[in-house]
Protein backbone atom coordinates (compact mmCIF):
# COMPACT_ATOMS: atom_id res chain seq x y z
CA UNK A 1 0.00 0.00 0.00
CA UNK A 2 1.20 3.45 -0.90
CA UNK A 3 -0.52 6.49 0.43
CA UNK A 4 -2.31 9.10 -1.66
CA UNK A 5 -2.26 12.65 -0.27
CA UNK A 6 -5.87 13.32 -1.29
CA UNK A 7 -7.07 10.22 0.54
CA UNK A 8 -4.48 9.95 3.28
CA UNK A 9 -6.76 10.46 6.29
CA UNK A 10 -9.17 7.80 4.98
CA UNK A 11 -6.30 5.41 4.21
CA UNK A 12 -4.84 6.03 7.66
CA UNK A 13 -8.20 5.25 9.26
CA UNK A 14 -8.39 2.00 7.27
CA UNK A 15 -4.87 1.03 8.27
CA UNK A 16 -5.53 1.67 11.96
CA UNK A 17 -8.85 -0.21 11.74
CA UNK A 18 -7.20 -3.18 10.03
CA UNK A 19 -3.93 -3.40 11.99
CA UNK A 20 -4.15 -0.96 14.90
CA UNK A 21 -5.48 -3.60 17.27
CA UNK A 22 -2.19 -5.53 17.03
CA UNK A 23 -0.20 -5.57 20.26
CA UNK A 24 2.42 -2.90 20.69
CA UNK A 25 4.64 -5.06 22.91
CA UNK A 26 3.30 -3.32 25.99
CA UNK A 27 -0.14 -3.56 27.62
CA UNK A 28 -1.73 -1.52 24.81
CA UNK A 29 -2.38 -1.81 21.08
CA UNK A 30 -0.56 -0.05 18.24
CA UNK A 31 -3.52 2.32 17.84
CA UNK A 32 -3.69 3.15 21.55
CA UNK A 33 0.04 3.87 21.55
CA UNK A 34 -0.21 6.19 18.55
CA UNK A 35 -3.16 8.07 20.02
CA UNK A 36 -1.48 8.36 23.42
CA UNK A 37 1.73 9.75 21.93
CA UNK A 38 -0.17 12.30 19.83
CA UNK A 39 -2.36 13.29 22.78
CA UNK A 40 0.69 13.77 24.99
CA UNK A 41 2.34 15.89 22.29
CA UNK A 42 -0.80 18.01 21.97
CA UNK A 43 -1.09 18.44 25.75
CA UNK A 44 2.57 19.48 25.88
CA UNK A 45 1.96 22.25 23.38
CA UNK A 46 3.92 20.72 20.53
CA UNK A 47 3.38 22.10 17.05
CA UNK A 48 1.40 20.27 14.35
CA UNK A 49 4.56 18.67 12.95
CA UNK A 50 5.47 16.99 16.21
CA UNK A 51 1.89 16.02 17.11
CA UNK A 52 1.52 14.28 13.75
CA UNK A 53 5.00 12.75 14.05
CA UNK A 54 3.92 11.34 17.42
CA UNK A 55 0.75 9.94 15.86
CA UNK A 56 2.54 8.33 12.92
CA UNK A 57 5.95 7.41 14.32
CA UNK A 58 5.23 3.66 14.38
CA UNK A 59 3.22 3.48 11.17
CA UNK A 60 6.02 1.33 9.77
CA UNK A 61 4.90 -1.40 12.20
CA UNK A 62 1.41 -1.30 10.71
CA UNK A 63 2.28 -1.07 7.05
CA UNK A 64 2.90 -4.52 5.54
CA UNK A 65 4.49 -5.84 8.71
CA UNK A 66 5.57 -9.48 8.78
CA UNK A 67 3.54 -11.34 11.36
CA UNK A 68 6.69 -12.62 13.08
CA UNK A 69 8.92 -9.58 13.57
CA UNK A 70 9.72 -10.50 17.15
CA UNK A 71 13.39 -11.39 16.75
CA UNK A 72 14.67 -9.01 14.14
CA UNK A 73 14.77 -5.27 13.64
CA UNK A 74 12.04 -4.39 11.16
CA UNK A 75 13.51 -0.88 10.67
CA UNK A 76 10.01 0.47 11.11
CA UNK A 77 11.33 4.01 11.46
CA UNK A 78 12.88 3.89 7.98
CA UNK A 79 9.76 2.34 6.47
CA UNK A 80 7.61 5.08 8.07
CA UNK A 81 9.86 7.86 6.78
CA UNK A 82 9.78 6.41 3.27
CA UNK A 83 5.98 6.20 3.33
CA UNK A 84 5.49 9.71 4.69
CA UNK A 85 8.23 11.60 2.85
CA UNK A 86 6.17 12.25 -0.31
CA UNK A 87 3.17 13.50 1.71
CA UNK A 88 4.31 15.42 4.76
CA UNK A 89 6.90 18.07 5.64
CA UNK A 90 10.41 17.07 6.59
CA UNK A 91 9.67 18.28 10.14
CA UNK A 92 7.27 15.30 10.44
CA UNK A 93 9.11 12.42 8.79
CA UNK A 94 12.67 13.27 9.89
CA UNK A 95 11.96 12.98 13.67
CA UNK A 96 10.14 9.73 12.87
CA UNK A 97 13.17 8.48 10.95
CA UNK A 98 15.37 9.35 13.94
CA UNK A 99 13.23 8.19 16.87
CA UNK A 100 15.02 4.83 17.18
CA UNK A 101 18.38 6.58 16.97
CA UNK A 102 17.14 8.90 19.72
CA UNK A 103 16.53 5.89 21.97
CA UNK A 104 20.01 4.57 21.23
CA UNK A 105 21.44 8.04 21.96
CA UNK A 106 19.59 8.37 25.26
CA UNK A 107 20.67 4.89 26.34
CA UNK A 108 24.28 5.79 25.61
CA UNK A 109 24.18 9.13 27.43
CA UNK A 110 21.71 8.66 30.28
CA UNK A 111 22.07 5.54 32.48
CA UNK A 112 18.79 6.35 34.26
CA UNK A 113 16.95 6.41 30.92
CA UNK A 114 18.42 3.05 29.97
CA UNK A 115 17.54 1.54 33.36
CA UNK A 116 13.92 2.73 33.07
CA UNK A 117 13.21 1.09 29.71
CA UNK A 118 10.40 -1.42 29.67
CA UNK A 119 11.28 -5.04 28.88
CA UNK A 120 9.83 -4.64 25.37
CA UNK A 121 11.94 -1.51 24.78
CA UNK A 122 15.06 -3.29 26.06
CA UNK A 123 14.38 -6.16 23.66
CA UNK A 124 13.90 -3.84 20.68
CA UNK A 125 17.00 -1.83 21.69
CA UNK A 126 19.09 -4.99 21.45
CA UNK A 127 17.66 -5.74 18.00
CA UNK A 128 18.28 -2.13 16.90
CA UNK A 129 22.00 -2.21 17.74
CA UNK A 130 22.08 -1.24 21.41
CA UNK A 131 23.28 2.06 22.85
CA UNK A 132 25.31 4.26 20.52
CA UNK A 133 29.10 4.25 20.57
CA UNK A 134 30.70 7.67 21.31
CA UNK A 135 31.15 8.57 17.63
CA UNK A 136 27.50 7.69 16.93
CA UNK A 137 26.43 9.98 19.80
CA UNK A 138 28.26 12.87 18.15
CA UNK A 139 26.85 12.10 14.72
CA UNK A 140 23.31 11.89 16.08
CA UNK A 141 23.55 15.31 17.72
CA UNK A 142 24.65 16.84 14.40
CA UNK A 143 21.67 15.43 12.51
CA UNK A 144 18.95 17.88 11.50
CA UNK A 145 15.83 17.26 13.59
CA UNK A 146 17.76 15.41 16.33
CA UNK A 147 16.21 17.58 19.04
CA UNK A 148 12.70 16.95 17.72
CA UNK A 149 13.50 13.23 17.60
CA UNK A 150 14.48 13.35 21.28
CA UNK A 151 11.13 14.95 22.14
CA UNK A 152 9.35 12.31 20.04
CA UNK A 153 11.30 9.58 21.82
CA UNK A 154 10.19 10.85 25.23
CA UNK A 155 6.58 10.95 24.04
CA UNK A 156 7.01 7.41 22.70
CA UNK A 157 8.22 6.24 26.11
CA UNK A 158 5.27 7.87 27.90
CA UNK A 159 2.58 6.60 25.52
CA UNK A 160 2.20 3.17 27.11
CA UNK A 161 -0.49 3.67 29.75
CA UNK A 162 -3.34 1.11 29.61
CA UNK A 163 -5.60 3.49 31.58
CA UNK A 164 -5.04 6.64 29.52
CA UNK A 165 -8.04 8.07 27.71
CA UNK A 166 -7.44 9.73 24.33
CA UNK A 167 -9.51 11.38 21.66
CA UNK A 168 -10.22 9.27 18.56
CA UNK A 169 -8.03 9.31 15.47
CA UNK A 170 -10.41 11.78 13.79
CA UNK A 171 -9.49 14.40 16.40
CA UNK A 172 -6.08 14.71 14.74
CA UNK A 173 -7.40 14.96 11.16
CA UNK A 174 -7.46 18.81 11.05
CA UNK A 175 -3.77 18.97 12.02
CA UNK A 176 -2.93 16.26 9.52
CA UNK A 177 -4.89 17.93 6.74
CA UNK A 178 -3.10 21.26 7.36
CA UNK A 179 0.23 19.51 6.94
CA UNK A 180 -0.87 17.60 3.85
CA UNK A 181 -1.79 20.91 2.18
CA UNK A 182 1.44 22.63 3.23
C-alpha atoms as a PDB file:
ATOM      1  CA  UNK A   1       0.000   0.000   0.000  1.00  0.00           C
ATOM      2  CA  UNK A   2       1.204   3.451  -0.896  1.00  0.00           C
ATOM      3  CA  UNK A   3      -0.524   6.493   0.429  1.00  0.00           C
ATOM      4  CA  UNK A   4      -2.312   9.102  -1.657  1.00  0.00           C
ATOM      5  CA  UNK A   5      -2.258  12.647  -0.273  1.00  0.00           C
ATOM      6  CA  UNK A   6      -5.868  13.315  -1.285  1.00  0.00           C
ATOM      7  CA  UNK A   7      -7.070  10.220   0.541  1.00  0.00           C
ATOM      8  CA  UNK A   8      -4.476   9.948   3.280  1.00  0.00           C
ATOM      9  CA  UNK A   9      -6.755  10.461   6.288  1.00  0.00           C
ATOM     10  CA  UNK A  10      -9.168   7.795   4.983  1.00  0.00           C
ATOM     11  CA  UNK A  11      -6.304   5.412   4.211  1.00  0.00           C
ATOM     12  CA  UNK A  12      -4.842   6.027   7.658  1.00  0.00           C
ATOM     13  CA  UNK A  13      -8.196   5.252   9.260  1.00  0.00           C
ATOM     14  CA  UNK A  14      -8.393   2.005   7.266  1.00  0.00           C
ATOM     15  CA  UNK A  15      -4.866   1.033   8.272  1.00  0.00           C
ATOM     16  CA  UNK A  16      -5.533   1.667  11.964  1.00  0.00           C
ATOM     17  CA  UNK A  17      -8.851  -0.210  11.740  1.00  0.00           C
ATOM     18  CA  UNK A  18      -7.202  -3.178  10.029  1.00  0.00           C
ATOM     19  CA  UNK A  19      -3.930  -3.399  11.990  1.00  0.00           C
ATOM     20  CA  UNK A  20      -4.148  -0.964  14.900  1.00  0.00           C
ATOM     21  CA  UNK A  21      -5.477  -3.604  17.274  1.00  0.00           C
ATOM     22  CA  UNK A  22      -2.189  -5.530  17.030  1.00  0.00           C
ATOM     23  CA  UNK A  23      -0.195  -5.567  20.259  1.00  0.00           C
ATOM     24  CA  UNK A  24       2.422  -2.904  20.690  1.00  0.00           C
ATOM     25  CA  UNK A  25       4.641  -5.061  22.912  1.00  0.00           C
ATOM     26  CA  UNK A  26       3.298  -3.324  25.989  1.00  0.00           C
ATOM     27  CA  UNK A  27      -0.137  -3.563  27.624  1.00  0.00           C
ATOM     28  CA  UNK A  28      -1.728  -1.521  24.808  1.00  0.00           C
ATOM     29  CA  UNK A  29      -2.381  -1.812  21.082  1.00  0.00           C
ATOM     30  CA  UNK A  30      -0.561  -0.050  18.245  1.00  0.00           C
ATOM     31  CA  UNK A  31      -3.520   2.323  17.838  1.00  0.00           C
ATOM     32  CA  UNK A  32      -3.688   3.147  21.548  1.00  0.00           C
ATOM     33  CA  UNK A  33       0.044   3.865  21.552  1.00  0.00           C
ATOM     34  CA  UNK A  34      -0.213   6.188  18.546  1.00  0.00           C
ATOM     35  CA  UNK A  35      -3.159   8.072  20.021  1.00  0.00           C
ATOM     36  CA  UNK A  36      -1.482   8.357  23.424  1.00  0.00           C
ATOM     37  CA  UNK A  37       1.729   9.749  21.934  1.00  0.00           C
ATOM     38  CA  UNK A  38      -0.168  12.303  19.826  1.00  0.00           C
ATOM     39  CA  UNK A  39      -2.357  13.285  22.777  1.00  0.00           C
ATOM     40  CA  UNK A  40       0.692  13.774  24.991  1.00  0.00           C
ATOM     41  CA  UNK A  41       2.337  15.892  22.287  1.00  0.00           C
ATOM     42  CA  UNK A  42      -0.796  18.007  21.971  1.00  0.00           C
ATOM     43  CA  UNK A  43      -1.092  18.437  25.745  1.00  0.00           C
ATOM     44  CA  UNK A  44       2.566  19.478  25.883  1.00  0.00           C
ATOM     45  CA  UNK A  45       1.957  22.254  23.382  1.00  0.00           C
ATOM     46  CA  UNK A  46       3.923  20.716  20.531  1.00  0.00           C
ATOM     47  CA  UNK A  47       3.380  22.103  17.046  1.00  0.00           C
ATOM     48  CA  UNK A  48       1.405  20.270  14.355  1.00  0.00           C
ATOM     49  CA  UNK A  49       4.561  18.669  12.945  1.00  0.00           C
ATOM     50  CA  UNK A  50       5.471  16.987  16.214  1.00  0.00           C
ATOM     51  CA  UNK A  51       1.892  16.022  17.110  1.00  0.00           C
ATOM     52  CA  UNK A  52       1.517  14.276  13.755  1.00  0.00           C
ATOM     53  CA  UNK A  53       4.998  12.747  14.045  1.00  0.00           C
ATOM     54  CA  UNK A  54       3.919  11.340  17.419  1.00  0.00           C
ATOM     55  CA  UNK A  55       0.745   9.945  15.864  1.00  0.00           C
ATOM     56  CA  UNK A  56       2.537   8.328  12.916  1.00  0.00           C
ATOM     57  CA  UNK A  57       5.952   7.406  14.322  1.00  0.00           C
ATOM     58  CA  UNK A  58       5.225   3.664  14.384  1.00  0.00           C
ATOM     59  CA  UNK A  59       3.218   3.479  11.170  1.00  0.00           C
ATOM     60  CA  UNK A  60       6.018   1.325   9.771  1.00  0.00           C
ATOM     61  CA  UNK A  61       4.900  -1.403  12.198  1.00  0.00           C
ATOM     62  CA  UNK A  62       1.406  -1.296  10.712  1.00  0.00           C
ATOM     63  CA  UNK A  63       2.285  -1.071   7.048  1.00  0.00           C
ATOM     64  CA  UNK A  64       2.896  -4.521   5.537  1.00  0.00           C
ATOM     65  CA  UNK A  65       4.486  -5.844   8.709  1.00  0.00           C
ATOM     66  CA  UNK A  66       5.570  -9.476   8.776  1.00  0.00           C
ATOM     67  CA  UNK A  67       3.536 -11.344  11.364  1.00  0.00           C
ATOM     68  CA  UNK A  68       6.687 -12.621  13.080  1.00  0.00           C
ATOM     69  CA  UNK A  69       8.920  -9.584  13.568  1.00  0.00           C
ATOM     70  CA  UNK A  70       9.722 -10.497  17.154  1.00  0.00           C
ATOM     71  CA  UNK A  71      13.389 -11.393  16.753  1.00  0.00           C
ATOM     72  CA  UNK A  72      14.675  -9.007  14.135  1.00  0.00           C
ATOM     73  CA  UNK A  73      14.774  -5.265  13.637  1.00  0.00           C
ATOM     74  CA  UNK A  74      12.035  -4.385  11.162  1.00  0.00           C
ATOM     75  CA  UNK A  75      13.511  -0.882  10.672  1.00  0.00           C
ATOM     76  CA  UNK A  76      10.010   0.473  11.113  1.00  0.00           C
ATOM     77  CA  UNK A  77      11.330   4.013  11.464  1.00  0.00           C
ATOM     78  CA  UNK A  78      12.876   3.890   7.984  1.00  0.00           C
ATOM     79  CA  UNK A  79       9.758   2.345   6.474  1.00  0.00           C
ATOM     80  CA  UNK A  80       7.606   5.080   8.067  1.00  0.00           C
ATOM     81  CA  UNK A  81       9.865   7.861   6.782  1.00  0.00           C
ATOM     82  CA  UNK A  82       9.777   6.409   3.266  1.00  0.00           C
ATOM     83  CA  UNK A  83       5.981   6.199   3.331  1.00  0.00           C
ATOM     84  CA  UNK A  84       5.490   9.711   4.692  1.00  0.00           C
ATOM     85  CA  UNK A  85       8.230  11.604   2.854  1.00  0.00           C
ATOM     86  CA  UNK A  86       6.165  12.255  -0.314  1.00  0.00           C
ATOM     87  CA  UNK A  87       3.174  13.496   1.709  1.00  0.00           C
ATOM     88  CA  UNK A  88       4.312  15.421   4.758  1.00  0.00           C
ATOM     89  CA  UNK A  89       6.904  18.065   5.644  1.00  0.00           C
ATOM     90  CA  UNK A  90      10.415  17.071   6.589  1.00  0.00           C
ATOM     91  CA  UNK A  91       9.668  18.278  10.139  1.00  0.00           C
ATOM     92  CA  UNK A  92       7.271  15.300  10.443  1.00  0.00           C
ATOM     93  CA  UNK A  93       9.112  12.421   8.790  1.00  0.00           C
ATOM     94  CA  UNK A  94      12.671  13.274   9.895  1.00  0.00           C
ATOM     95  CA  UNK A  95      11.963  12.978  13.665  1.00  0.00           C
ATOM     96  CA  UNK A  96      10.135   9.729  12.874  1.00  0.00           C
ATOM     97  CA  UNK A  97      13.169   8.475  10.948  1.00  0.00           C
ATOM     98  CA  UNK A  98      15.374   9.349  13.936  1.00  0.00           C
ATOM     99  CA  UNK A  99      13.227   8.192  16.872  1.00  0.00           C
ATOM    100  CA  UNK A 100      15.018   4.830  17.184  1.00  0.00           C
ATOM    101  CA  UNK A 101      18.382   6.583  16.968  1.00  0.00           C
ATOM    102  CA  UNK A 102      17.142   8.902  19.722  1.00  0.00           C
ATOM    103  CA  UNK A 103      16.530   5.886  21.974  1.00  0.00           C
ATOM    104  CA  UNK A 104      20.014   4.569  21.225  1.00  0.00           C
ATOM    105  CA  UNK A 105      21.443   8.043  21.958  1.00  0.00           C
ATOM    106  CA  UNK A 106      19.587   8.366  25.264  1.00  0.00           C
ATOM    107  CA  UNK A 107      20.667   4.889  26.341  1.00  0.00           C
ATOM    108  CA  UNK A 108      24.282   5.794  25.614  1.00  0.00           C
ATOM    109  CA  UNK A 109      24.184   9.126  27.426  1.00  0.00           C
ATOM    110  CA  UNK A 110      21.715   8.658  30.280  1.00  0.00           C
ATOM    111  CA  UNK A 111      22.072   5.543  32.484  1.00  0.00           C
ATOM    112  CA  UNK A 112      18.787   6.346  34.264  1.00  0.00           C
ATOM    113  CA  UNK A 113      16.952   6.408  30.925  1.00  0.00           C
ATOM    114  CA  UNK A 114      18.420   3.050  29.971  1.00  0.00           C
ATOM    115  CA  UNK A 115      17.543   1.540  33.359  1.00  0.00           C
ATOM    116  CA  UNK A 116      13.919   2.734  33.075  1.00  0.00           C
ATOM    117  CA  UNK A 117      13.214   1.087  29.707  1.00  0.00           C
ATOM    118  CA  UNK A 118      10.395  -1.419  29.672  1.00  0.00           C
ATOM    119  CA  UNK A 119      11.277  -5.040  28.881  1.00  0.00           C
ATOM    120  CA  UNK A 120       9.830  -4.640  25.370  1.00  0.00           C
ATOM    121  CA  UNK A 121      11.944  -1.513  24.777  1.00  0.00           C
ATOM    122  CA  UNK A 122      15.059  -3.292  26.057  1.00  0.00           C
ATOM    123  CA  UNK A 123      14.382  -6.158  23.659  1.00  0.00           C
ATOM    124  CA  UNK A 124      13.903  -3.837  20.680  1.00  0.00           C
ATOM    125  CA  UNK A 125      16.998  -1.832  21.687  1.00  0.00           C
ATOM    126  CA  UNK A 126      19.094  -4.985  21.450  1.00  0.00           C
ATOM    127  CA  UNK A 127      17.661  -5.738  18.000  1.00  0.00           C
ATOM    128  CA  UNK A 128      18.284  -2.133  16.901  1.00  0.00           C
ATOM    129  CA  UNK A 129      22.002  -2.214  17.740  1.00  0.00           C
ATOM    130  CA  UNK A 130      22.081  -1.242  21.413  1.00  0.00           C
ATOM    131  CA  UNK A 131      23.276   2.064  22.847  1.00  0.00           C
ATOM    132  CA  UNK A 132      25.310   4.264  20.518  1.00  0.00           C
ATOM    133  CA  UNK A 133      29.095   4.249  20.568  1.00  0.00           C
ATOM    134  CA  UNK A 134      30.697   7.668  21.310  1.00  0.00           C
ATOM    135  CA  UNK A 135      31.154   8.567  17.626  1.00  0.00           C
ATOM    136  CA  UNK A 136      27.505   7.688  16.933  1.00  0.00           C
ATOM    137  CA  UNK A 137      26.430   9.980  19.797  1.00  0.00           C
ATOM    138  CA  UNK A 138      28.264  12.870  18.154  1.00  0.00           C
ATOM    139  CA  UNK A 139      26.854  12.096  14.718  1.00  0.00           C
ATOM    140  CA  UNK A 140      23.308  11.891  16.077  1.00  0.00           C
ATOM    141  CA  UNK A 141      23.552  15.312  17.719  1.00  0.00           C
ATOM    142  CA  UNK A 142      24.646  16.840  14.400  1.00  0.00           C
ATOM    143  CA  UNK A 143      21.668  15.430  12.513  1.00  0.00           C
ATOM    144  CA  UNK A 144      18.953  17.882  11.496  1.00  0.00           C
ATOM    145  CA  UNK A 145      15.827  17.261  13.592  1.00  0.00           C
ATOM    146  CA  UNK A 146      17.761  15.412  16.329  1.00  0.00           C
ATOM    147  CA  UNK A 147      16.210  17.585  19.044  1.00  0.00           C
ATOM    148  CA  UNK A 148      12.699  16.945  17.723  1.00  0.00           C
ATOM    149  CA  UNK A 149      13.502  13.231  17.598  1.00  0.00           C
ATOM    150  CA  UNK A 150      14.475  13.346  21.282  1.00  0.00           C
ATOM    151  CA  UNK A 151      11.128  14.950  22.144  1.00  0.00           C
ATOM    152  CA  UNK A 152       9.354  12.310  20.037  1.00  0.00           C
ATOM    153  CA  UNK A 153      11.296   9.579  21.817  1.00  0.00           C
ATOM    154  CA  UNK A 154      10.193  10.850  25.235  1.00  0.00           C
ATOM    155  CA  UNK A 155       6.580  10.948  24.040  1.00  0.00           C
ATOM    156  CA  UNK A 156       7.010   7.409  22.699  1.00  0.00           C
ATOM    157  CA  UNK A 157       8.217   6.244  26.111  1.00  0.00           C
ATOM    158  CA  UNK A 158       5.273   7.873  27.900  1.00  0.00           C
ATOM    159  CA  UNK A 159       2.583   6.602  25.524  1.00  0.00           C
ATOM    160  CA  UNK A 160       2.205   3.168  27.114  1.00  0.00           C
ATOM    161  CA  UNK A 161      -0.494   3.671  29.753  1.00  0.00           C
ATOM    162  CA  UNK A 162      -3.335   1.115  29.612  1.00  0.00           C
ATOM    163  CA  UNK A 163      -5.601   3.488  31.581  1.00  0.00           C
ATOM    164  CA  UNK A 164      -5.039   6.643  29.515  1.00  0.00           C
ATOM    165  CA  UNK A 165      -8.042   8.069  27.705  1.00  0.00           C
ATOM    166  CA  UNK A 166      -7.439   9.729  24.331  1.00  0.00           C
ATOM    167  CA  UNK A 167      -9.506  11.378  21.657  1.00  0.00           C
ATOM    168  CA  UNK A 168     -10.222   9.265  18.563  1.00  0.00           C
ATOM    169  CA  UNK A 169      -8.034   9.309  15.469  1.00  0.00           C
ATOM    170  CA  UNK A 170     -10.407  11.783  13.787  1.00  0.00           C
ATOM    171  CA  UNK A 171      -9.493  14.396  16.401  1.00  0.00           C
ATOM    172  CA  UNK A 172      -6.076  14.706  14.740  1.00  0.00           C
ATOM    173  CA  UNK A 173      -7.402  14.955  11.161  1.00  0.00           C
ATOM    174  CA  UNK A 174      -7.456  18.807  11.048  1.00  0.00           C
ATOM    175  CA  UNK A 175      -3.770  18.974  12.021  1.00  0.00           C
ATOM    176  CA  UNK A 176      -2.925  16.258   9.523  1.00  0.00           C
ATOM    177  CA  UNK A 177      -4.885  17.931   6.737  1.00  0.00           C
ATOM    178  CA  UNK A 178      -3.098  21.262   7.361  1.00  0.00           C
ATOM    179  CA  UNK A 179       0.230  19.512   6.938  1.00  0.00           C
ATOM    180  CA  UNK A 180      -0.874  17.602   3.855  1.00  0.00           C
ATOM    181  CA  UNK A 181      -1.788  20.908   2.184  1.00  0.00           C
ATOM    182  CA  UNK A 182       1.438  22.625   3.230  1.00  0.00           C
END
